[in-house]
PDB file of N, CA and C in Angstrom:
ATOM      1  N   UNK A   1     -19.811 -23.143 -24.790  1.00  0.00           N
ATOM      2  CA  UNK A   1     -18.499 -22.544 -24.093  1.00  0.00           C
ATOM      3  C   UNK A   1     -19.028 -22.880 -22.883  1.00  0.00           C
ATOM      4  N   UNK A   2     -17.913 -23.252 -21.953  1.00  0.00           N
ATOM      5  CA  UNK A   2     -18.216 -24.017 -20.492  1.00  0.00           C
ATOM      6  C   UNK A   2     -18.486 -22.739 -19.713  1.00  0.00           C
ATOM      7  N   UNK A   3     -19.479 -22.876 -18.877  1.00  0.00           N
ATOM      8  CA  UNK A   3     -19.923 -21.997 -17.669  1.00  0.00           C
ATOM      9  C   UNK A   3     -19.127 -21.998 -16.735  1.00  0.00           C
ATOM     10  N   UNK A   4     -18.442 -20.692 -16.158  1.00  0.00           N
ATOM     11  CA  UNK A   4     -17.595 -20.616 -15.234  1.00  0.00           C
ATOM     12  C   UNK A   4     -18.413 -20.345 -13.585  1.00  0.00           C
ATOM     13  N   UNK A   5     -17.907 -21.226 -13.055  1.00  0.00           N
ATOM     14  CA  UNK A   5     -18.863 -20.891 -11.538  1.00  0.00           C
ATOM     15  C   UNK A   5     -18.057 -20.024 -10.852  1.00  0.00           C
ATOM     16  N   UNK A   6     -18.539 -19.464  -9.920  1.00  0.00           N
ATOM     17  CA  UNK A   6     -17.845 -18.369  -9.060  1.00  0.00           C
ATOM     18  C   UNK A   6     -17.911 -18.837  -7.465  1.00  0.00           C
ATOM     19  N   UNK A   7     -16.847 -19.677  -7.002  1.00  0.00           N
ATOM     20  CA  UNK A   7     -16.866 -20.200  -5.785  1.00  0.00           C
ATOM     21  C   UNK A   7     -15.087 -20.206  -5.752  1.00  0.00           C
ATOM     22  N   UNK A   8     -14.917 -20.585  -4.388  1.00  0.00           N
ATOM     23  CA  UNK A   8     -13.358 -20.520  -4.287  1.00  0.00           C
ATOM     24  C   UNK A   8     -13.060 -21.022  -2.852  1.00  0.00           C
ATOM     25  N   UNK A   9     -11.946 -20.934  -2.588  1.00  0.00           N
ATOM     26  CA  UNK A   9     -11.364 -22.041  -1.523  1.00  0.00           C
ATOM     27  C   UNK A   9     -12.155 -20.928   0.077  1.00  0.00           C
ATOM     28  N   UNK A  10     -12.508 -21.683   0.845  1.00  0.00           N
ATOM     29  CA  UNK A  10     -12.997 -21.090   1.734  1.00  0.00           C
ATOM     30  C   UNK A  10     -14.800 -20.521   2.045  1.00  0.00           C
ATOM     31  N   UNK A  11     -15.012 -20.783   0.938  1.00  0.00           N
ATOM     32  CA  UNK A  11     -16.630 -20.227   0.465  1.00  0.00           C
ATOM     33  C   UNK A  11     -17.532 -21.354   1.245  1.00  0.00           C
ATOM     34  N   UNK A  12     -18.832 -20.824   1.714  1.00  0.00           N
ATOM     35  CA  UNK A  12     -19.689 -21.733   2.247  1.00  0.00           C
ATOM     36  C   UNK A  12     -20.634 -21.689   1.048  1.00  0.00           C
ATOM     37  N   UNK A  13     -21.172 -22.979   0.728  1.00  0.00           N
ATOM     38  CA  UNK A  13     -21.823 -23.413  -0.526  1.00  0.00           C
ATOM     39  C   UNK A  13     -22.994 -23.956   0.036  1.00  0.00           C
ATOM     40  N   UNK A  14     -24.030 -24.157  -0.863  1.00  0.00           N
ATOM     41  CA  UNK A  14     -25.168 -24.705  -0.800  1.00  0.00           C
ATOM     42  C   UNK A  14     -25.193 -25.769  -1.779  1.00  0.00           C
ATOM     43  N   UNK A  15     -25.633 -27.116  -1.413  1.00  0.00           N
ATOM     44  CA  UNK A  15     -25.480 -28.145  -2.384  1.00  0.00           C
ATOM     45  C   UNK A  15     -27.169 -28.131  -2.746  1.00  0.00           C
ATOM     46  N   UNK A  16     -27.505 -29.128  -3.799  1.00  0.00           N
ATOM     47  CA  UNK A  16     -28.939 -29.444  -4.283  1.00  0.00           C
ATOM     48  C   UNK A  16     -29.425 -30.404  -3.368  1.00  0.00           C
ATOM     49  N   UNK A  17     -29.063 -31.169  -2.793  1.00  0.00           N
ATOM     50  CA  UNK A  17     -29.303 -32.388  -1.831  1.00  0.00           C
ATOM     51  C   UNK A  17     -28.946 -31.981  -0.022  1.00  0.00           C
ATOM     52  N   UNK A  18     -29.367 -32.452   0.888  1.00  0.00           N
ATOM     53  CA  UNK A  18     -28.971 -32.119   2.117  1.00  0.00           C
ATOM     54  C   UNK A  18     -28.175 -33.187   2.542  1.00  0.00           C
ATOM     55  N   UNK A  19     -27.541 -33.039   3.433  1.00  0.00           N
ATOM     56  CA  UNK A  19     -26.169 -34.025   3.937  1.00  0.00           C
ATOM     57  C   UNK A  19     -27.389 -35.197   4.835  1.00  0.00           C
ATOM     58  N   UNK A  20     -26.911 -36.076   5.473  1.00  0.00           N
ATOM     59  CA  UNK A  20     -27.713 -36.957   6.355  1.00  0.00           C
ATOM     60  C   UNK A  20     -27.993 -36.389   7.658  1.00  0.00           C
ATOM     61  N   UNK A  21     -27.095 -35.504   8.309  1.00  0.00           N
ATOM     62  CA  UNK A  21     -27.339 -34.347   9.103  1.00  0.00           C
ATOM     63  C   UNK A  21     -28.583 -33.620   9.132  1.00  0.00           C
ATOM     64  N   UNK A  22     -28.820 -33.134   7.857  1.00  0.00           N
ATOM     65  CA  UNK A  22     -30.141 -32.405   7.668  1.00  0.00           C
ATOM     66  C   UNK A  22     -29.609 -30.652   7.339  1.00  0.00           C
ATOM     67  N   UNK A  23     -28.235 -30.615   7.121  1.00  0.00           N
ATOM     68  CA  UNK A  23     -28.050 -29.388   6.531  1.00  0.00           C
ATOM     69  C   UNK A  23     -27.419 -29.496   5.054  1.00  0.00           C
ATOM     70  N   UNK A  24     -27.413 -28.601   4.271  1.00  0.00           N
ATOM     71  CA  UNK A  24     -26.854 -28.531   2.994  1.00  0.00           C
ATOM     72  C   UNK A  24     -26.009 -27.673   2.554  1.00  0.00           C
ATOM     73  N   UNK A  25     -25.483 -26.857   3.700  1.00  0.00           N
ATOM     74  CA  UNK A  25     -24.275 -25.897   3.301  1.00  0.00           C
ATOM     75  C   UNK A  25     -22.761 -26.646   4.167  1.00  0.00           C
ATOM     76  N   UNK A  26     -22.062 -26.466   3.051  1.00  0.00           N
ATOM     77  CA  UNK A  26     -20.684 -26.992   2.996  1.00  0.00           C
ATOM     78  C   UNK A  26     -19.622 -25.898   2.885  1.00  0.00           C
ATOM     79  N   UNK A  27     -18.231 -26.101   3.543  1.00  0.00           N
ATOM     80  CA  UNK A  27     -17.319 -25.298   3.378  1.00  0.00           C
ATOM     81  C   UNK A  27     -15.980 -25.722   2.449  1.00  0.00           C
ATOM     82  N   UNK A  28     -15.861 -25.108   1.646  1.00  0.00           N
ATOM     83  CA  UNK A  28     -14.488 -25.710   0.456  1.00  0.00           C
ATOM     84  C   UNK A  28     -13.526 -25.711   0.943  1.00  0.00           C
ATOM     85  N   UNK A  29     -12.905 -26.881   1.323  1.00  0.00           N
ATOM     86  CA  UNK A  29     -11.414 -26.707   1.892  1.00  0.00           C
ATOM     87  C   UNK A  29     -10.406 -27.089   0.937  1.00  0.00           C
ATOM     88  N   UNK A  30     -10.660 -27.493  -0.241  1.00  0.00           N
ATOM     89  CA  UNK A  30      -9.341 -27.771  -1.175  1.00  0.00           C
ATOM     90  C   UNK A  30     -10.034 -27.618  -2.339  1.00  0.00           C
ATOM     91  N   UNK A  31      -9.362 -27.074  -3.189  1.00  0.00           N
ATOM     92  CA  UNK A  31      -9.463 -27.356  -4.869  1.00  0.00           C
ATOM     93  C   UNK A  31      -8.517 -27.600  -5.430  1.00  0.00           C
ATOM     94  N   UNK A  32      -9.038 -28.513  -6.879  1.00  0.00           N
ATOM     95  CA  UNK A  32      -7.993 -28.969  -7.478  1.00  0.00           C
ATOM     96  C   UNK A  32      -8.732 -29.615  -8.590  1.00  0.00           C
ATOM     97  N   UNK A  33      -8.290 -30.989  -8.788  1.00  0.00           N
ATOM     98  CA  UNK A  33      -9.105 -31.942  -9.703  1.00  0.00           C
ATOM     99  C   UNK A  33     -10.549 -32.154  -8.873  1.00  0.00           C
ATOM    100  N   UNK A  34     -10.132 -32.381  -7.702  1.00  0.00           N
ATOM    101  CA  UNK A  34     -11.105 -32.926  -6.762  1.00  0.00           C
ATOM    102  C   UNK A  34     -11.462 -31.567  -5.958  1.00  0.00           C
ATOM    103  N   UNK A  35     -12.762 -31.441  -5.377  1.00  0.00           N
ATOM    104  CA  UNK A  35     -13.089 -30.564  -4.274  1.00  0.00           C
ATOM    105  C   UNK A  35     -13.041 -31.164  -3.054  1.00  0.00           C
ATOM    106  N   UNK A  36     -12.582 -30.750  -1.939  1.00  0.00           N
ATOM    107  CA  UNK A  36     -12.633 -31.189  -0.496  1.00  0.00           C
ATOM    108  C   UNK A  36     -13.717 -30.454   0.259  1.00  0.00           C
ATOM    109  N   UNK A  37     -15.096 -30.870   0.533  1.00  0.00           N
ATOM    110  CA  UNK A  37     -15.926 -30.121   1.374  1.00  0.00           C
ATOM    111  C   UNK A  37     -16.139 -30.750   2.915  1.00  0.00           C
ATOM    112  N   UNK A  38     -16.157 -29.880   3.847  1.00  0.00           N
ATOM    113  CA  UNK A  38     -16.670 -30.212   5.177  1.00  0.00           C
ATOM    114  C   UNK A  38     -18.116 -29.604   5.373  1.00  0.00           C
ATOM    115  N   UNK A  39     -18.927 -30.368   6.178  1.00  0.00           N
ATOM    116  CA  UNK A  39     -20.191 -30.003   6.180  1.00  0.00           C
ATOM    117  C   UNK A  39     -20.266 -29.035   7.469  1.00  0.00           C
ATOM    118  N   UNK A  40     -20.726 -28.143   7.406  1.00  0.00           N
ATOM    119  CA  UNK A  40     -20.939 -26.837   8.273  1.00  0.00           C
ATOM    120  C   UNK A  40     -21.572 -27.252   9.531  1.00  0.00           C
ATOM    121  N   UNK A  41     -22.362 -28.552   9.435  1.00  0.00           N
ATOM    122  CA  UNK A  41     -22.903 -28.882  10.853  1.00  0.00           C
ATOM    123  C   UNK A  41     -22.435 -29.996  11.496  1.00  0.00           C
ATOM    124  N   UNK A  42     -22.164 -31.104  10.799  1.00  0.00           N
ATOM    125  CA  UNK A  42     -21.421 -32.033  11.772  1.00  0.00           C
ATOM    126  C   UNK A  42     -20.099 -32.230  11.402  1.00  0.00           C
ATOM    127  N   UNK A  43     -19.424 -31.692  10.398  1.00  0.00           N
ATOM    128  CA  UNK A  43     -17.598 -31.249  10.482  1.00  0.00           C
ATOM    129  C   UNK A  43     -17.481 -32.605   9.691  1.00  0.00           C
ATOM    130  N   UNK A  44     -18.336 -33.184   8.900  1.00  0.00           N
ATOM    131  CA  UNK A  44     -18.177 -34.481   8.030  1.00  0.00           C
ATOM    132  C   UNK A  44     -16.825 -33.875   6.931  1.00  0.00           C
ATOM    133  N   UNK A  45     -16.125 -34.451   6.247  1.00  0.00           N
ATOM    134  CA  UNK A  45     -14.987 -34.357   5.057  1.00  0.00           C
ATOM    135  C   UNK A  45     -15.606 -35.039   4.144  1.00  0.00           C
ATOM    136  N   UNK A  46     -16.135 -34.591   2.898  1.00  0.00           N
ATOM    137  CA  UNK A  46     -16.123 -35.476   1.586  1.00  0.00           C
ATOM    138  C   UNK A  46     -15.271 -34.873   0.829  1.00  0.00           C
ATOM    139  N   UNK A  47     -14.937 -35.510  -0.518  1.00  0.00           N
ATOM    140  CA  UNK A  47     -14.339 -35.080  -1.697  1.00  0.00           C
ATOM    141  C   UNK A  47     -15.201 -35.446  -2.584  1.00  0.00           C
ATOM    142  N   UNK A  48     -15.249 -34.128  -3.635  1.00  0.00           N
ATOM    143  CA  UNK A  48     -16.171 -34.731  -5.045  1.00  0.00           C
ATOM    144  C   UNK A  48     -14.976 -34.333  -6.438  1.00  0.00           C
ATOM    145  N   UNK A  49     -15.378 -34.880  -7.238  1.00  0.00           N
ATOM    146  CA  UNK A  49     -14.731 -34.532  -8.544  1.00  0.00           C
ATOM    147  C   UNK A  49     -15.497 -33.200  -8.699  1.00  0.00           C
ATOM    148  N   UNK A  50     -14.534 -32.116  -9.415  1.00  0.00           N
ATOM    149  CA  UNK A  50     -15.057 -31.078  -9.818  1.00  0.00           C
ATOM    150  C   UNK A  50     -16.074 -31.120 -10.865  1.00  0.00           C
ATOM    151  N   UNK A  51     -16.325 -31.897 -11.676  1.00  0.00           N
ATOM    152  CA  UNK A  51     -17.434 -32.283 -12.485  1.00  0.00           C
ATOM    153  C   UNK A  51     -18.757 -32.394 -11.743  1.00  0.00           C
ATOM    154  N   UNK A  52     -18.652 -33.340 -10.777  1.00  0.00           N
ATOM    155  CA  UNK A  52     -19.512 -33.742  -9.708  1.00  0.00           C
ATOM    156  C   UNK A  52     -20.226 -32.547  -8.742  1.00  0.00           C
ATOM    157  N   UNK A  53     -19.055 -31.985  -8.232  1.00  0.00           N
ATOM    158  CA  UNK A  53     -19.100 -30.415  -7.570  1.00  0.00           C
ATOM    159  C   UNK A  53     -20.144 -29.716  -8.676  1.00  0.00           C
ATOM    160  N   UNK A  54     -19.629 -29.339  -9.637  1.00  0.00           N
ATOM    161  CA  UNK A  54     -20.220 -28.511 -10.530  1.00  0.00           C
ATOM    162  C   UNK A  54     -21.951 -28.757 -10.457  1.00  0.00           C
ATOM    163  N   UNK A  55     -22.209 -30.156 -10.705  1.00  0.00           N
ATOM    164  CA  UNK A  55     -23.420 -30.596 -11.115  1.00  0.00           C
ATOM    165  C   UNK A  55     -24.267 -30.362  -9.695  1.00  0.00           C
ATOM    166  N   UNK A  56     -23.743 -30.597  -8.776  1.00  0.00           N
ATOM    167  CA  UNK A  56     -24.415 -30.705  -7.232  1.00  0.00           C
ATOM    168  C   UNK A  56     -24.469 -29.265  -6.715  1.00  0.00           C
ATOM    169  N   UNK A  57     -23.706 -28.173  -6.887  1.00  0.00           N
ATOM    170  CA  UNK A  57     -24.157 -26.840  -6.378  1.00  0.00           C
ATOM    171  C   UNK A  57     -25.015 -25.990  -7.005  1.00  0.00           C
ATOM    172  N   UNK A  58     -25.634 -25.780  -5.805  1.00  0.00           N
ATOM    173  CA  UNK A  58     -26.746 -24.961  -6.067  1.00  0.00           C
ATOM    174  C   UNK A  58     -26.716 -23.404  -5.852  1.00  0.00           C
ATOM    175  N   UNK A  59     -25.834 -23.020  -4.808  1.00  0.00           N
ATOM    176  CA  UNK A  59     -25.393 -21.526  -4.829  1.00  0.00           C
ATOM    177  C   UNK A  59     -24.504 -21.393  -4.125  1.00  0.00           C
ATOM    178  N   UNK A  60     -23.518 -20.193  -3.949  1.00  0.00           N
ATOM    179  CA  UNK A  60     -22.707 -19.993  -2.895  1.00  0.00           C
ATOM    180  C   UNK A  60     -23.380 -19.013  -2.015  1.00  0.00           C
ATOM    181  N   UNK A  61     -23.353 -19.302  -0.658  1.00  0.00           N
ATOM    182  CA  UNK A  61     -23.699 -18.621   0.383  1.00  0.00           C
ATOM    183  C   UNK A  61     -23.123 -17.586   1.029  1.00  0.00           C
ATOM    184  N   UNK A  62     -21.858 -17.846   0.924  1.00  0.00           N
ATOM    185  CA  UNK A  62     -21.012 -16.704   1.867  1.00  0.00           C
ATOM    186  C   UNK A  62     -19.497 -17.042   1.123  1.00  0.00           C
ATOM    187  N   UNK A  63     -19.264 -15.838   0.520  1.00  0.00           N
ATOM    188  CA  UNK A  63     -17.740 -15.786   0.056  1.00  0.00           C
ATOM    189  C   UNK A  63     -16.894 -15.788   1.178  1.00  0.00           C
ATOM    190  N   UNK A  64     -15.345 -16.123   0.899  1.00  0.00           N
ATOM    191  CA  UNK A  64     -14.486 -16.184   2.014  1.00  0.00           C
ATOM    192  C   UNK A  64     -13.947 -14.885   2.116  1.00  0.00           C
ATOM    193  N   UNK A  65     -13.887 -13.914   1.091  1.00  0.00           N
ATOM    194  CA  UNK A  65     -13.311 -12.851   1.443  1.00  0.00           C
ATOM    195  C   UNK A  65     -14.117 -11.750   1.669  1.00  0.00           C
ATOM    196  N   UNK A  66     -15.874 -12.292   2.023  1.00  0.00           N
ATOM    197  CA  UNK A  66     -16.608 -11.397   2.865  1.00  0.00           C
ATOM    198  C   UNK A  66     -16.649 -11.141   4.330  1.00  0.00           C
ATOM    199  N   UNK A  67     -15.354 -10.642   4.837  1.00  0.00           N
ATOM    200  CA  UNK A  67     -15.054 -10.054   6.061  1.00  0.00           C
ATOM    201  C   UNK A  67     -15.750  -9.057   6.537  1.00  0.00           C
ATOM    202  N   UNK A  68     -16.247  -9.206   8.106  1.00  0.00           N
ATOM    203  CA  UNK A  68     -16.588  -7.928   8.719  1.00  0.00           C
ATOM    204  C   UNK A  68     -15.350  -7.081   8.855  1.00  0.00           C
ATOM    205  N   UNK A  69     -15.532  -5.715   8.337  1.00  0.00           N
ATOM    206  CA  UNK A  69     -14.352  -4.994   8.866  1.00  0.00           C
ATOM    207  C   UNK A  69     -14.890  -4.006   9.981  1.00  0.00           C
ATOM    208  N   UNK A  70     -14.075  -4.012  11.126  1.00  0.00           N
ATOM    209  CA  UNK A  70     -14.401  -2.913  12.230  1.00  0.00           C
ATOM    210  C   UNK A  70     -13.417  -1.595  11.919  1.00  0.00           C
TER     211      UNK A  70
END
């Protein structure tokens, strides 16, 4: 059976290897067959196939729907 990952649009995710700028936190901007990510530090944008993204994903740091309610 295929393992379902728990990530969505707008989530802050941690990848296994750091980006060249030194951070490994990315924001998911687009989801489909490919996943578009933006580096949280330098704002560089990359696209990965869903297969490669699932392989490189370490964990979800913050869900997009975790909003502070006042």
